[in-house]
Amino acid sequence: MGENKRKHLEFIQLTITRMNVNSFMLKGWLVTIVAALFVLFNEGKNIEVLAYFCPLVSILFWILDAFFISTERGYRDLYDHVRLLKEGKIDFSMDYKSHSKKGSGFTTSLFSSTLLLFYPLLICVSIFIAKSI
């Protein structure tokens, strides 16, 4: 493998890693924010506000997380494209949209199994806790 190809693949891999870390950090921040909201609203006895605010915040984070995952999938598709290129065809382009495969779009990511296991569960638990307090 030539040096240009290796460098281009490294650039793409760093972007993939960054998107993955962003997705992970979003989940951590959301759990922290929801827990803090429960503490704040429980002190003031504004539980009905909590029952609506936590799901709203969760949905916003869900959308942002889906964006990061769809972008990561696009860069994975670009990685697959670049790894098959000959050394002379390497142009260091980071435009993943022209190489995205079917199933790596935003809507597919929004309803991916990893997100469907986390966000709806958190929304249901937060509503259940808010209603039971």
Protein backbone atom coordinates (compact mmCIF):
# COMPACT_ATOMS: atom_id res chain seq x y z
CA MET A 1 0.00 0.00 0.00
CA GLY A 2 1.34 3.39 -0.98
CA GLU A 3 1.96 6.26 1.37
CA ASN A 4 -0.78 8.47 -0.13
CA LYS A 5 -3.38 5.75 0.26
CA ARG A 6 -2.30 5.02 3.83
CA LYS A 7 -2.50 8.71 4.79
CA HIS A 8 -5.90 9.17 3.17
CA LEU A 9 -7.24 6.11 5.02
CA GLU A 10 -5.81 7.50 8.27
CA PHE A 11 -7.62 10.81 7.73
CA ILE A 12 -10.88 9.00 7.12
CA GLN A 13 -10.37 6.72 10.13
CA LEU A 14 -9.75 9.72 12.40
CA THR A 15 -13.05 11.23 11.26
CA ILE A 16 -14.86 7.94 11.85
CA THR A 17 -13.40 7.78 15.35
CA ARG A 18 -14.42 11.37 16.07
CA MET A 19 -18.03 10.70 15.02
CA ASN A 20 -18.09 7.58 17.19
CA VAL A 21 -16.75 9.48 20.21
CA ASN A 22 -19.29 12.26 19.66
CA SER A 23 -22.11 9.73 19.63
CA PHE A 24 -20.85 8.14 22.84
CA MET A 25 -20.44 11.51 24.55
CA LEU A 26 -23.98 12.54 23.60
CA LYS A 27 -25.41 9.54 25.41
CA GLY A 28 -23.35 10.32 28.51
CA TRP A 29 -24.38 13.97 28.49
CA LEU A 30 -28.03 13.09 28.05
CA VAL A 31 -28.07 10.75 31.04
CA THR A 32 -26.34 13.44 33.11
CA ILE A 33 -28.80 16.14 31.99
CA VAL A 34 -31.87 13.96 32.64
CA ALA A 35 -30.59 13.04 36.10
CA ALA A 36 -29.86 16.70 36.89
CA LEU A 37 -33.33 17.69 35.70
CA PHE A 38 -34.90 15.10 37.98
CA VAL A 39 -32.98 16.53 40.93
CA LEU A 40 -33.84 20.14 40.06
CA PHE A 41 -37.50 19.57 39.31
CA ASN A 42 -38.02 17.25 42.26
CA GLU A 43 -36.88 19.98 44.64
CA GLY A 44 -39.40 22.44 43.25
CA LYS A 45 -42.14 19.82 42.83
CA ASN A 46 -42.55 20.73 39.13
CA ILE A 47 -42.83 17.12 38.06
CA GLU A 48 -45.36 17.80 35.28
CA VAL A 49 -42.77 20.03 33.59
CA LEU A 50 -40.24 17.23 33.92
CA ALA A 51 -42.58 14.74 32.29
CA TYR A 52 -42.56 16.86 29.12
CA PHE A 53 -39.10 18.41 29.20
CA CYS A 54 -36.99 15.24 29.58
CA PRO A 55 -38.56 13.48 26.55
CA LEU A 56 -38.11 16.65 24.49
CA VAL A 57 -34.43 16.89 25.39
CA SER A 58 -34.05 13.16 24.70
CA ILE A 59 -35.60 13.51 21.24
CA LEU A 60 -33.27 16.40 20.38
CA PHE A 61 -30.24 14.36 21.46
CA TRP A 62 -31.60 11.36 19.52
CA ILE A 63 -31.70 13.44 16.32
CA LEU A 64 -28.19 14.76 16.89
CA ASP A 65 -26.91 11.25 17.62
CA ALA A 66 -28.52 9.96 14.41
CA PHE A 67 -26.67 12.69 12.51
CA PHE A 68 -23.34 11.56 13.97
CA ILE A 69 -24.07 7.91 13.22
CA SER A 70 -25.17 8.59 9.65
CA THR A 71 -22.05 10.69 9.09
CA GLU A 72 -19.90 7.91 10.54
CA ARG A 73 -21.54 5.40 8.20
CA GLY A 74 -20.90 7.70 5.26
CA TYR A 75 -17.21 7.88 6.13
CA ARG A 76 -17.09 4.10 6.51
CA ASP A 77 -18.43 3.85 2.97
CA LEU A 78 -15.77 6.33 1.82
CA TYR A 79 -13.12 4.24 3.59
CA ASP A 80 -14.28 1.15 1.68
CA HIS A 81 -14.13 3.11 -1.57
CA VAL A 82 -10.63 4.49 -0.93
CA ARG A 83 -9.15 1.17 0.17
CA LEU A 84 -10.02 -0.29 -3.25
CA LEU A 85 -8.54 2.63 -5.23
CA LYS A 86 -5.22 2.41 -6.96
CA GLU A 87 -2.45 4.66 -5.62
CA GLY A 88 -2.63 7.02 -8.59
CA LYS A 89 -6.34 7.70 -8.04
CA ILE A 90 -5.94 8.98 -4.46
CA ASP A 91 -7.11 12.61 -4.30
CA PHE A 92 -7.52 13.02 -0.49
CA SER A 93 -11.18 13.92 -0.93
CA MET A 94 -13.22 13.71 2.28
CA ASP A 95 -16.56 14.01 0.47
CA TYR A 96 -18.39 10.92 1.68
CA LYS A 97 -21.77 11.80 0.16
CA SER A 98 -20.80 10.70 -3.33
CA HIS A 99 -19.81 7.25 -2.02
CA SER A 100 -22.57 6.60 0.52
CA LYS A 101 -24.28 3.28 0.15
CA LYS A 102 -27.92 2.51 0.61
CA GLY A 103 -28.81 2.16 4.28
CA SER A 104 -26.37 4.71 5.63
CA GLY A 105 -28.70 7.71 5.55
CA PHE A 106 -30.10 9.80 8.36
CA THR A 107 -33.49 8.07 8.58
CA THR A 108 -31.91 4.62 8.71
CA SER A 109 -29.58 5.81 11.46
CA LEU A 110 -32.44 7.42 13.38
CA PHE A 111 -34.15 4.05 13.66
CA SER A 112 -31.05 1.89 14.01
CA SER A 113 -31.08 -0.79 16.68
CA THR A 114 -28.41 0.92 18.78
CA LEU A 115 -30.42 4.12 19.05
CA LEU A 116 -33.77 2.37 19.43
CA LEU A 117 -32.42 0.49 22.44
CA PHE A 118 -31.28 3.65 24.19
CA TYR A 119 -33.45 6.69 23.47
CA PRO A 120 -37.01 5.29 23.58
CA LEU A 121 -36.10 3.38 26.74
CA LEU A 122 -34.76 6.56 28.37
CA ILE A 123 -37.86 8.49 27.30
CA CYS A 124 -40.21 5.84 28.71
CA VAL A 125 -38.27 5.56 31.97
CA SER A 126 -38.18 9.33 32.44
CA ILE A 127 -41.94 9.60 31.82
CA PHE A 128 -42.63 6.68 34.17
CA ILE A 129 -40.49 8.18 36.94
CA ALA A 130 -42.00 11.64 36.47
CA LYS A 131 -45.53 10.22 36.68
CA SER A 132 -44.78 8.06 39.72
CA ILE A 133 -43.17 10.80 41.83
